[in-house]
Amino acid sequence: MFSLAKLFSSEPKARARLRVKGRIFDGSYHVFAEQRARDHGLKGWMKVRDGLSSSAFLELEVEGEDAKLQDYIMDLRKGNRDSHITMVTVEIMPYGKSQYTSFSRLL
């Protein structure tokens, strides 16, 4: 497995923007994604985009320890028992300074 943080610096921290598509809009996947982020000690946010269209997706921006972020991405790809994930895209972002104090769900 590659290191997300090493793409930008020697910092053991990383930041990524994620997009998740699939059968995830029954509400349980959102709870799952939020809880797993907290379990991994990650900070950031998540929000449903284009919620009323067939192209809807869950967008997240997450930061934290590189290894924990990698584990979180794997969790999102696996999903929970009520979901069926068809795609998770990962956009690596420069870490710099922490921008968040917690993980939250935006409306």
PDB file of N, CA and C in Angstrom:
ATOM      1  N   MET A   1       0.838  -1.176   0.000  1.00  0.00           N
ATOM      2  CA  MET A   1       0.000   0.000   0.000  1.00  0.00           C
ATOM      3  C   MET A   1       0.886   1.243   0.000  1.00  0.00           C
ATOM      4  N   PHE A   2       0.502   2.260  -0.713  1.00  0.00           N
ATOM      5  CA  PHE A   2       1.285   3.488  -0.796  1.00  0.00           C
ATOM      6  C   PHE A   2       0.939   4.425   0.358  1.00  0.00           C
ATOM      7  N   SER A   3       1.787   5.388   0.589  1.00  0.00           N
ATOM      8  CA  SER A   3       1.561   6.367   1.639  1.00  0.00           C
ATOM      9  C   SER A   3       1.020   7.653   1.028  1.00  0.00           C
ATOM     10  N   LEU A   4      -0.151   8.068   1.474  1.00  0.00           N
ATOM     11  CA  LEU A   4      -0.747   9.299   0.968  1.00  0.00           C
ATOM     12  C   LEU A   4       0.093  10.512   1.348  1.00  0.00           C
ATOM     13  N   ALA A   5       0.549  10.575   2.596  1.00  0.00           N
ATOM     14  CA  ALA A   5       1.284  11.746   3.073  1.00  0.00           C
ATOM     15  C   ALA A   5       2.623  11.908   2.376  1.00  0.00           C
ATOM     16  N   LYS A   6       3.262  10.821   2.028  1.00  0.00           N
ATOM     17  CA  LYS A   6       4.586  10.910   1.420  1.00  0.00           C
ATOM     18  C   LYS A   6       4.547  11.549   0.027  1.00  0.00           C
ATOM     19  N   LEU A   7       3.366  11.658  -0.545  1.00  0.00           N
ATOM     20  CA  LEU A   7       3.258  12.328  -1.832  1.00  0.00           C
ATOM     21  C   LEU A   7       3.569  13.818  -1.713  1.00  0.00           C
ATOM     22  N   PHE A   8       3.372  14.387  -0.528  1.00  0.00           N
ATOM     23  CA  PHE A   8       3.535  15.819  -0.349  1.00  0.00           C
ATOM     24  C   PHE A   8       4.597  16.220   0.654  1.00  0.00           C
ATOM     25  N   SER A   9       4.862  15.421   1.655  1.00  0.00           N
ATOM     26  CA  SER A   9       5.823  15.804   2.683  1.00  0.00           C
ATOM     27  C   SER A   9       6.219  14.593   3.502  1.00  0.00           C
ATOM     28  N   SER A  10       7.089  14.837   4.459  1.00  0.00           N
ATOM     29  CA  SER A  10       7.494  13.763   5.361  1.00  0.00           C
ATOM     30  C   SER A  10       6.563  13.684   6.568  1.00  0.00           C
ATOM     31  N   GLU A  11       5.539  14.519   6.611  1.00  0.00           N
ATOM     32  CA  GLU A  11       4.556  14.501   7.696  1.00  0.00           C
ATOM     33  C   GLU A  11       3.818  13.163   7.700  1.00  0.00           C
ATOM     34  N   PRO A  12       3.520  12.635   8.879  1.00  0.00           N
ATOM     35  CA  PRO A  12       2.739  11.395   8.947  1.00  0.00           C
ATOM     36  C   PRO A  12       1.241  11.649   8.835  1.00  0.00           C
ATOM     37  N   LYS A  13       0.857  12.843   8.418  1.00  0.00           N
ATOM     38  CA  LYS A  13      -0.556  13.197   8.291  1.00  0.00           C
ATOM     39  C   LYS A  13      -0.900  13.385   6.818  1.00  0.00           C
ATOM     40  N   ALA A  14      -2.189  13.234   6.532  1.00  0.00           N
ATOM     41  CA  ALA A  14      -2.644  13.352   5.153  1.00  0.00           C
ATOM     42  C   ALA A  14      -4.043  13.942   5.128  1.00  0.00           C
ATOM     43  N   ARG A  15      -4.426  14.469   3.965  1.00  0.00           N
ATOM     44  CA  ARG A  15      -5.775  14.995   3.743  1.00  0.00           C
ATOM     45  C   ARG A  15      -6.226  14.501   2.376  1.00  0.00           C
ATOM     46  N   ALA A  16      -7.499  14.143   2.284  1.00  0.00           N
ATOM     47  CA  ALA A  16      -8.032  13.671   1.004  1.00  0.00           C
ATOM     48  C   ALA A  16      -9.482  14.093   0.858  1.00  0.00           C
ATOM     49  N   ARG A  17      -9.876  14.309  -0.378  1.00  0.00           N
ATOM     50  CA  ARG A  17     -11.282  14.512  -0.706  1.00  0.00           C
ATOM     51  C   ARG A  17     -11.750  13.223  -1.361  1.00  0.00           C
ATOM     52  N   LEU A  18     -12.869  12.703  -0.875  1.00  0.00           N
ATOM     53  CA  LEU A  18     -13.392  11.416  -1.326  1.00  0.00           C
ATOM     54  C   LEU A  18     -14.792  11.596  -1.892  1.00  0.00           C
ATOM     55  N   ARG A  19     -15.112  10.765  -2.875  1.00  0.00           N
ATOM     56  CA  ARG A  19     -16.468  10.704  -3.413  1.00  0.00           C
ATOM     57  C   ARG A  19     -16.888   9.250  -3.440  1.00  0.00           C
ATOM     58  N   VAL A  20     -18.043   8.984  -2.852  1.00  0.00           N
ATOM     59  CA  VAL A  20     -18.551   7.617  -2.756  1.00  0.00           C
ATOM     60  C   VAL A  20     -19.869   7.534  -3.498  1.00  0.00           C
ATOM     61  N   LYS A  21     -19.954   6.539  -4.404  1.00  0.00           N
ATOM     62  CA  LYS A  21     -21.188   6.289  -5.148  1.00  0.00           C
ATOM     63  C   LYS A  21     -21.623   4.850  -4.918  1.00  0.00           C
ATOM     64  N   GLY A  22     -22.901   4.646  -5.039  1.00  0.00           N
ATOM     65  CA  GLY A  22     -23.456   3.308  -4.887  1.00  0.00           C
ATOM     66  C   GLY A  22     -24.788   3.385  -4.172  1.00  0.00           C
ATOM     67  N   ARG A  23     -25.223   2.254  -3.626  1.00  0.00           N
ATOM     68  CA  ARG A  23     -26.467   2.224  -2.846  1.00  0.00           C
ATOM     69  C   ARG A  23     -26.100   2.614  -1.411  1.00  0.00           C
ATOM     70  N   ILE A  24     -26.140   3.914  -1.151  1.00  0.00           N
ATOM     71  CA  ILE A  24     -25.679   4.429   0.143  1.00  0.00           C
ATOM     72  C   ILE A  24     -26.653   5.434   0.741  1.00  0.00           C
ATOM     73  N   PHE A  25     -27.808   5.603   0.161  1.00  0.00           N
ATOM     74  CA  PHE A  25     -28.677   6.696   0.571  1.00  0.00           C
ATOM     75  C   PHE A  25     -29.856   6.268   1.429  1.00  0.00           C
ATOM     76  N   ASP A  26     -29.747   5.144   2.125  1.00  0.00           N
ATOM     77  CA  ASP A  26     -30.803   4.760   3.061  1.00  0.00           C
ATOM     78  C   ASP A  26     -30.531   5.332   4.459  1.00  0.00           C
ATOM     79  N   GLY A  27     -29.453   6.046   4.612  1.00  0.00           N
ATOM     80  CA  GLY A  27     -29.120   6.664   5.897  1.00  0.00           C
ATOM     81  C   GLY A  27     -28.109   5.877   6.711  1.00  0.00           C
ATOM     82  N   SER A  28     -28.139   4.555   6.622  1.00  0.00           N
ATOM     83  CA  SER A  28     -27.225   3.764   7.457  1.00  0.00           C
ATOM     84  C   SER A  28     -25.769   3.920   7.023  1.00  0.00           C
ATOM     85  N   TYR A  29     -25.528   4.126   5.734  1.00  0.00           N
ATOM     86  CA  TYR A  29     -24.145   4.296   5.273  1.00  0.00           C
ATOM     87  C   TYR A  29     -23.568   5.598   5.809  1.00  0.00           C
ATOM     88  N   HIS A  30     -24.389   6.632   5.879  1.00  0.00           N
ATOM     89  CA  HIS A  30     -23.921   7.914   6.400  1.00  0.00           C
ATOM     90  C   HIS A  30     -23.499   7.783   7.863  1.00  0.00           C
ATOM     91  N   VAL A  31     -24.313   7.084   8.638  1.00  0.00           N
ATOM     92  CA  VAL A  31     -23.977   6.839  10.043  1.00  0.00           C
ATOM     93  C   VAL A  31     -22.692   6.023  10.125  1.00  0.00           C
ATOM     94  N   PHE A  32     -22.587   4.997   9.293  1.00  0.00           N
ATOM     95  CA  PHE A  32     -21.393   4.155   9.232  1.00  0.00           C
ATOM     96  C   PHE A  32     -20.148   4.981   8.904  1.00  0.00           C
ATOM     97  N   ALA A  33     -20.220   5.818   7.861  1.00  0.00           N
ATOM     98  CA  ALA A  33     -19.070   6.620   7.437  1.00  0.00           C
ATOM     99  C   ALA A  33     -18.648   7.596   8.525  1.00  0.00           C
ATOM    100  N   GLU A  34     -19.625   8.206   9.169  1.00  0.00           N
ATOM    101  CA  GLU A  34     -19.325   9.161  10.245  1.00  0.00           C
ATOM    102  C   GLU A  34     -18.692   8.453  11.444  1.00  0.00           C
ATOM    103  N   GLN A  35     -19.259   7.322  11.835  1.00  0.00           N
ATOM    104  CA  GLN A  35     -18.729   6.593  12.992  1.00  0.00           C
ATOM    105  C   GLN A  35     -17.328   6.050  12.732  1.00  0.00           C
ATOM    106  N   ARG A  36     -17.109   5.523  11.535  1.00  0.00           N
ATOM    107  CA  ARG A  36     -15.773   4.981  11.211  1.00  0.00           C
ATOM    108  C   ARG A  36     -14.723   6.095  11.192  1.00  0.00           C
ATOM    109  N   ALA A  37     -15.082   7.285  10.722  1.00  0.00           N
ATOM    110  CA  ALA A  37     -14.142   8.417  10.750  1.00  0.00           C
ATOM    111  C   ALA A  37     -13.762   8.724  12.192  1.00  0.00           C
ATOM    112  N   ARG A  38     -14.729   8.760  13.060  1.00  0.00           N
ATOM    113  CA  ARG A  38     -14.451   9.032  14.480  1.00  0.00           C
ATOM    114  C   ARG A  38     -13.642   7.901  15.105  1.00  0.00           C
ATOM    115  N   ASP A  39     -13.975   6.653  14.754  1.00  0.00           N
ATOM    116  CA  ASP A  39     -13.223   5.505  15.284  1.00  0.00           C
ATOM    117  C   ASP A  39     -11.745   5.591  14.912  1.00  0.00           C
ATOM    118  N   HIS A  40     -11.459   6.105  13.719  1.00  0.00           N
ATOM    119  CA  HIS A  40     -10.082   6.225  13.247  1.00  0.00           C
ATOM    120  C   HIS A  40      -9.418   7.532  13.705  1.00  0.00           C
ATOM    121  N   GLY A  41     -10.160   8.364  14.432  1.00  0.00           N
ATOM    122  CA  GLY A  41      -9.600   9.622  14.913  1.00  0.00           C
ATOM    123  C   GLY A  41      -9.396  10.652  13.817  1.00  0.00           C
ATOM    124  N   LEU A  42     -10.209  10.578  12.767  1.00  0.00           N
ATOM    125  CA  LEU A  42     -10.085  11.501  11.636  1.00  0.00           C
ATOM    126  C   LEU A  42     -10.974  12.715  11.838  1.00  0.00           C
ATOM    127  N   LYS A  43     -10.626  13.790  11.169  1.00  0.00           N
ATOM    128  CA  LYS A  43     -11.385  15.035  11.233  1.00  0.00           C
ATOM    129  C   LYS A  43     -11.793  15.429   9.825  1.00  0.00           C
ATOM    130  N   GLY A  44     -12.858  16.225   9.728  1.00  0.00           N
ATOM    131  CA  GLY A  44     -13.299  16.694   8.421  1.00  0.00           C
ATOM    132  C   GLY A  44     -14.803  16.784   8.345  1.00  0.00           C
ATOM    133  N   TRP A  45     -15.352  16.505   7.148  1.00  0.00           N
ATOM    134  CA  TRP A  45     -16.786  16.618   6.939  1.00  0.00           C
ATOM    135  C   TRP A  45     -17.246  15.679   5.836  1.00  0.00           C
ATOM    136  N   MET A  46     -18.570  15.502   5.787  1.00  0.00           N
ATOM    137  CA  MET A  46     -19.187  14.767   4.684  1.00  0.00           C
ATOM    138  C   MET A  46     -20.505  15.430   4.347  1.00  0.00           C
ATOM    139  N   LYS A  47     -20.871  15.322   3.068  1.00  0.00           N
ATOM    140  CA  LYS A  47     -22.102  15.956   2.596  1.00  0.00           C
ATOM    141  C   LYS A  47     -22.610  15.215   1.365  1.00  0.00           C
ATOM    142  N   VAL A  48     -23.921  15.062   1.275  1.00  0.00           N
ATOM    143  CA  VAL A  48     -24.554  14.480   0.088  1.00  0.00           C
ATOM    144  C   VAL A  48     -24.603  15.555  -0.989  1.00  0.00           C
ATOM    145  N   ARG A  49     -24.163  15.201  -2.181  1.00  0.00           N
ATOM    146  CA  ARG A  49     -24.201  16.112  -3.326  1.00  0.00           C
ATOM    147  C   ARG A  49     -25.202  15.589  -4.346  1.00  0.00           C
ATOM    148  N   ASP A  50     -25.942  16.493  -4.968  1.00  0.00           N
ATOM    149  CA  ASP A  50     -26.950  16.137  -5.985  1.00  0.00           C
ATOM    150  C   ASP A  50     -27.931  15.105  -5.449  1.00  0.00           C
ATOM    151  N   GLY A  51     -28.355  15.284  -4.206  1.00  0.00           N
ATOM    152  CA  GLY A  51     -29.159  14.293  -3.493  1.00  0.00           C
ATOM    153  C   GLY A  51     -30.428  13.825  -4.165  1.00  0.00           C
ATOM    154  N   LEU A  52     -31.037  14.624  -5.015  1.00  0.00           N
ATOM    155  CA  LEU A  52     -32.291  14.231  -5.645  1.00  0.00           C
ATOM    156  C   LEU A  52     -32.115  13.666  -7.040  1.00  0.00           C
ATOM    157  N   SER A  53     -30.874  13.547  -7.497  1.00  0.00           N
ATOM    158  CA  SER A  53     -30.646  13.046  -8.856  1.00  0.00           C
ATOM    159  C   SER A  53     -30.058  11.643  -8.829  1.00  0.00           C
ATOM    160  N   SER A  54     -30.052  11.015  -9.990  1.00  0.00           N
ATOM    161  CA  SER A  54     -29.478   9.670 -10.097  1.00  0.00           C
ATOM    162  C   SER A  54     -27.951   9.695 -10.018  1.00  0.00           C
ATOM    163  N   SER A  55     -27.366  10.880 -10.114  1.00  0.00           N
ATOM    164  CA  SER A  55     -25.903  10.990 -10.027  1.00  0.00           C
ATOM    165  C   SER A  55     -25.443  11.414  -8.634  1.00  0.00           C
ATOM    166  N   ALA A  56     -26.291  11.263  -7.629  1.00  0.00           N
ATOM    167  CA  ALA A  56     -25.960  11.654  -6.257  1.00  0.00           C
ATOM    168  C   ALA A  56     -24.746  10.885  -5.744  1.00  0.00           C
ATOM    169  N   PHE A  57     -23.988  11.550  -4.883  1.00  0.00           N
ATOM    170  CA  PHE A  57     -22.832  10.902  -4.266  1.00  0.00           C
ATOM    171  C   PHE A  57     -22.569  11.532  -2.906  1.00  0.00           C
ATOM    172  N   LEU A  58     -21.799  10.843  -2.111  1.00  0.00           N
ATOM    173  CA  LEU A  58     -21.386  11.338  -0.801  1.00  0.00           C
ATOM    174  C   LEU A  58     -19.983  11.902  -0.960  1.00  0.00           C
ATOM    175  N   GLU A  59     -19.806  13.174  -0.611  1.00  0.00           N
ATOM    176  CA  GLU A  59     -18.493  13.809  -0.693  1.00  0.00           C
ATOM    177  C   GLU A  59     -17.951  13.979   0.725  1.00  0.00           C
ATOM    178  N   LEU A  60     -16.675  13.687   0.888  1.00  0.00           N
ATOM    179  CA  LEU A  60     -16.035  13.813   2.189  1.00  0.00           C
ATOM    180  C   LEU A  60     -14.688  14.490   2.028  1.00  0.00           C
ATOM    181  N   GLU A  61     -14.314  15.283   3.005  1.00  0.00           N
ATOM    182  CA  GLU A  61     -12.945  15.768   3.106  1.00  0.00           C
ATOM    183  C   GLU A  61     -12.467  15.335   4.479  1.00  0.00           C
ATOM    184  N   VAL A  62     -11.389  14.579   4.489  1.00  0.00           N
ATOM    185  CA  VAL A  62     -10.942  13.933   5.713  1.00  0.00           C
ATOM    186  C   VAL A  62      -9.447  14.135   5.883  1.00  0.00           C
ATOM    187  N   GLU A  63      -9.022  14.345   7.142  1.00  0.00           N
ATOM    188  CA  GLU A  63      -7.607  14.491   7.432  1.00  0.00           C
ATOM    189  C   GLU A  63      -7.271  13.735   8.708  1.00  0.00           C
ATOM    190  N   GLY A  64      -6.015  13.326   8.800  1.00  0.00           N
ATOM    191  CA  GLY A  64      -5.552  12.627   9.985  1.00  0.00           C
ATOM    192  C   GLY A  64      -4.291  11.846   9.676  1.00  0.00           C
ATOM    193  N   GLU A  65      -3.980  10.909  10.551  1.00  0.00           N
ATOM    194  CA  GLU A  65      -2.790  10.089  10.356  1.00  0.00           C
ATOM    195  C   GLU A  65      -2.926   9.287   9.062  1.00  0.00           C
ATOM    196  N   ASP A  66      -1.833   9.236   8.327  1.00  0.00           N
ATOM    197  CA  ASP A  66      -1.806   8.577   7.022  1.00  0.00           C
ATOM    198  C   ASP A  66      -2.364   7.155   7.071  1.00  0.00           C
ATOM    199  N   ALA A  67      -1.873   6.335   7.984  1.00  0.00           N
ATOM    200  CA  ALA A  67      -2.300   4.933   8.055  1.00  0.00           C
ATOM    201  C   ALA A  67      -3.782   4.822   8.393  1.00  0.00           C
ATOM    202  N   LYS A  68      -4.266   5.690   9.270  1.00  0.00           N
ATOM    203  CA  LYS A  68      -5.680   5.648   9.645  1.00  0.00           C
ATOM    204  C   LYS A  68      -6.565   6.120   8.502  1.00  0.00           C
ATOM    205  N   LEU A  69      -6.088   7.077   7.738  1.00  0.00           N
ATOM    206  CA  LEU A  69      -6.839   7.529   6.564  1.00  0.00           C
ATOM    207  C   LEU A  69      -6.920   6.415   5.520  1.00  0.00           C
ATOM    208  N   GLN A  70      -5.831   5.703   5.325  1.00  0.00           N
ATOM    209  CA  GLN A  70      -5.849   4.572   4.390  1.00  0.00           C
ATOM    210  C   GLN A  70      -6.845   3.508   4.842  1.00  0.00           C
ATOM    211  N   ASP A  71      -6.846   3.202   6.146  1.00  0.00           N
ATOM    212  CA  ASP A  71      -7.792   2.215   6.681  1.00  0.00           C
ATOM    213  C   ASP A  71      -9.236   2.684   6.482  1.00  0.00           C
ATOM    214  N   TYR A  72      -9.464   3.978   6.674  1.00  0.00           N
ATOM    215  CA  TYR A  72     -10.800   4.545   6.508  1.00  0.00           C
ATOM    216  C   TYR A  72     -11.278   4.411   5.064  1.00  0.00           C
ATOM    217  N   ILE A  73     -10.408   4.683   4.133  1.00  0.00           N
ATOM    218  CA  ILE A  73     -10.763   4.543   2.723  1.00  0.00           C
ATOM    219  C   ILE A  73     -11.149   3.094   2.416  1.00  0.00           C
ATOM    220  N   MET A  74     -10.413   2.152   2.984  1.00  0.00           N
ATOM    221  CA  MET A  74     -10.760   0.737   2.797  1.00  0.00           C
ATOM    222  C   MET A  74     -12.137   0.433   3.398  1.00  0.00           C
ATOM    223  N   ASP A  75     -12.428   1.001   4.578  1.00  0.00           N
ATOM    224  CA  ASP A  75     -13.745   0.815   5.200  1.00  0.00           C
ATOM    225  C   ASP A  75     -14.850   1.343   4.301  1.00  0.00           C
ATOM    226  N   LEU A  76     -14.635   2.539   3.727  1.00  0.00           N
ATOM    227  CA  LEU A  76     -15.647   3.117   2.851  1.00  0.00           C
ATOM    228  C   LEU A  76     -15.877   2.247   1.623  1.00  0.00           C
ATOM    229  N   ARG A  77     -14.807   1.674   1.089  1.00  0.00           N
ATOM    230  CA  ARG A  77     -14.941   0.807  -0.095  1.00  0.00           C
ATOM    231  C   ARG A  77     -15.713  -0.466   0.227  1.00  0.00           C
ATOM    232  N   LYS A  78     -15.499  -1.011   1.422  1.00  0.00           N
ATOM    233  CA  LYS A  78     -16.231  -2.222   1.828  1.00  0.00           C
ATOM    234  C   LYS A  78     -17.693  -1.902   2.124  1.00  0.00           C
ATOM    235  N   GLY A  79     -17.921  -0.745   2.743  1.00  0.00           N
ATOM    236  CA  GLY A  79     -19.274  -0.352   3.112  1.00  0.00           C
ATOM    237  C   GLY A  79     -19.784  -1.116   4.317  1.00  0.00           C
ATOM    238  N   ASN A  80     -21.056  -0.924   4.606  1.00  0.00           N
ATOM    239  CA  ASN A  80     -21.701  -1.670   5.686  1.00  0.00           C
ATOM    240  C   ASN A  80     -22.651  -2.691   5.070  1.00  0.00           C
ATOM    241  N   ARG A  81     -23.362  -3.408   5.910  1.00  0.00           N
ATOM    242  CA  ARG A  81     -24.193  -4.508   5.391  1.00  0.00           C
ATOM    243  C   ARG A  81     -25.355  -4.041   4.528  1.00  0.00           C
ATOM    244  N   ASP A  82     -25.768  -2.786   4.675  1.00  0.00           N
ATOM    245  CA  ASP A  82     -26.911  -2.282   3.908  1.00  0.00           C
ATOM    246  C   ASP A  82     -26.521  -1.544   2.627  1.00  0.00           C
ATOM    247  N   SER A  83     -25.236  -1.439   2.360  1.00  0.00           N
ATOM    248  CA  SER A  83     -24.794  -0.651   1.210  1.00  0.00           C
ATOM    249  C   SER A  83     -24.206  -1.535   0.114  1.00  0.00           C
ATOM    250  N   HIS A  84     -24.090  -0.938  -1.050  1.00  0.00           N
ATOM    251  CA  HIS A  84     -23.394  -1.561  -2.167  1.00  0.00           C
ATOM    252  C   HIS A  84     -22.598  -0.441  -2.832  1.00  0.00           C
ATOM    253  N   ILE A  85     -21.284  -0.440  -2.647  1.00  0.00           N
ATOM    254  CA  ILE A  85     -20.420   0.626  -3.131  1.00  0.00           C
ATOM    255  C   ILE A  85     -19.978   0.305  -4.554  1.00  0.00           C
ATOM    256  N   THR A  86     -20.196   1.256  -5.451  1.00  0.00           N
ATOM    257  CA  THR A  86     -19.774   1.059  -6.835  1.00  0.00           C
ATOM    258  C   THR A  86     -18.499   1.821  -7.167  1.00  0.00           C
ATOM    259  N   MET A  87     -18.224   2.909  -6.398  1.00  0.00           N
ATOM    260  CA  MET A  87     -17.015   3.676  -6.696  1.00  0.00           C
ATOM    261  C   MET A  87     -16.637   4.557  -5.508  1.00  0.00           C
ATOM    262  N   VAL A  88     -15.339   4.594  -5.208  1.00  0.00           N
ATOM    263  CA  VAL A  88     -14.773   5.555  -4.264  1.00  0.00           C
ATOM    264  C   VAL A  88     -13.596   6.207  -4.968  1.00  0.00           C
ATOM    265  N   THR A  89     -13.686   7.519  -5.175  1.00  0.00           N
ATOM    266  CA  THR A  89     -12.563   8.238  -5.772  1.00  0.00           C
ATOM    267  C   THR A  89     -11.836   8.984  -4.658  1.00  0.00           C
ATOM    268  N   VAL A  90     -10.532   9.071  -4.800  1.00  0.00           N
ATOM    269  CA  VAL A  90      -9.683   9.699  -3.793  1.00  0.00           C
ATOM    270  C   VAL A  90      -8.852  10.775  -4.466  1.00  0.00           C
ATOM    271  N   GLU A  91      -8.976  11.995  -3.979  1.00  0.00           N
ATOM    272  CA  GLU A  91      -8.164  13.113  -4.448  1.00  0.00           C
ATOM    273  C   GLU A  91      -7.258  13.524  -3.289  1.00  0.00           C
ATOM    274  N   ILE A  92      -5.962  13.332  -3.449  1.00  0.00           N
ATOM    275  CA  ILE A  92      -5.002  13.696  -2.411  1.00  0.00           C
ATOM    276  C   ILE A  92      -4.844  15.214  -2.400  1.00  0.00           C
ATOM    277  N   MET A  93      -4.856  15.771  -1.197  1.00  0.00           N
ATOM    278  CA  MET A  93      -4.718  17.212  -1.039  1.00  0.00           C
ATOM    279  C   MET A  93      -3.513  17.497  -0.137  1.00  0.00           C
ATOM    280  N   PRO A  94      -2.867  18.636  -0.307  1.00  0.00           N
ATOM    281  CA  PRO A  94      -1.759  18.973   0.586  1.00  0.00           C
ATOM    282  C   PRO A  94      -2.266  19.067   2.020  1.00  0.00           C
ATOM    283  N   TYR A  95      -1.506  18.546   2.957  1.00  0.00           N
ATOM    284  CA  TYR A  95      -1.967  18.556   4.344  1.00  0.00           C
ATOM    285  C   TYR A  95      -1.799  19.919   4.991  1.00  0.00           C
ATOM    286  N   GLY A  96      -0.602  20.448   5.000  1.00  0.00           N
ATOM    287  CA  GLY A  96      -0.390  21.749   5.644  1.00  0.00           C
ATOM    288  C   GLY A  96      -0.751  21.701   7.108  1.00  0.00           C
ATOM    289  N   LYS A  97      -1.592  22.621   7.543  1.00  0.00           N
ATOM    290  CA  LYS A  97      -2.041  22.715   8.925  1.00  0.00           C
ATOM    291  C   LYS A  97      -3.457  22.159   9.031  1.00  0.00           C
ATOM    292  N   SER A  98      -3.777  21.528  10.158  1.00  0.00           N
ATOM    293  CA  SER A  98      -5.102  20.971  10.357  1.00  0.00           C
ATOM    294  C   SER A  98      -6.167  22.047  10.210  1.00  0.00           C
ATOM    295  N   GLN A  99      -7.214  21.740   9.457  1.00  0.00           N
ATOM    296  CA  GLN A  99      -8.295  22.695   9.225  1.00  0.00           C
ATOM    297  C   GLN A  99      -9.531  22.405  10.071  1.00  0.00           C
ATOM    298  N   TYR A 100      -9.578  21.244  10.719  1.00  0.00           N
ATOM    299  CA  TYR A 100     -10.799  20.810  11.390  1.00  0.00           C
ATOM    300  C   TYR A 100     -10.526  20.428  12.840  1.00  0.00           C
ATOM    301  N   THR A 101     -11.570  20.544  13.667  1.00  0.00           N
ATOM    302  CA  THR A 101     -11.456  20.153  15.071  1.00  0.00           C
ATOM    303  C   THR A 101     -12.205  18.858  15.347  1.00  0.00           C
ATOM    304  N   SER A 102     -13.059  18.426  14.420  1.00  0.00           N
ATOM    305  CA  SER A 102     -13.834  17.204  14.594  1.00  0.00           C
ATOM    306  C   SER A 102     -14.299  16.709  13.228  1.00  0.00           C
ATOM    307  N   PHE A 103     -15.124  15.682  13.228  1.00  0.00           N
ATOM    308  CA  PHE A 103     -15.737  15.197  11.993  1.00  0.00           C
ATOM    309  C   PHE A 103     -17.219  15.511  12.070  1.00  0.00           C
ATOM    310  N   SER A 104     -17.754  16.114  11.012  1.00  0.00           N
ATOM    311  CA  SER A 104     -19.170  16.490  11.059  1.00  0.00           C
ATOM    312  C   SER A 104     -19.865  16.182   9.739  1.00  0.00           C
ATOM    313  N   ARG A 105     -21.167  16.054   9.854  1.00  0.00           N
ATOM    314  CA  ARG A 105     -22.028  15.827   8.696  1.00  0.00           C
ATOM    315  C   ARG A 105     -22.663  17.167   8.345  1.00  0.00           C
ATOM    316  N   LEU A 106     -22.418  17.650   7.138  1.00  0.00           N
ATOM    317  CA  LEU A 106     -22.990  18.920   6.702  1.00  0.00           C
ATOM    318  C   LEU A 106     -24.323  18.682   6.021  1.00  0.00           C
ATOM    319  N   LEU A 107     -25.228  19.598   6.158  1.00  0.00           N
ATOM    320  CA  LEU A 107     -26.551  19.468   5.532  1.00  0.00           C
ATOM    321  C   LEU A 107     -26.525  19.950   4.115  1.00  0.00           C
TER     322      LEU A 107
END
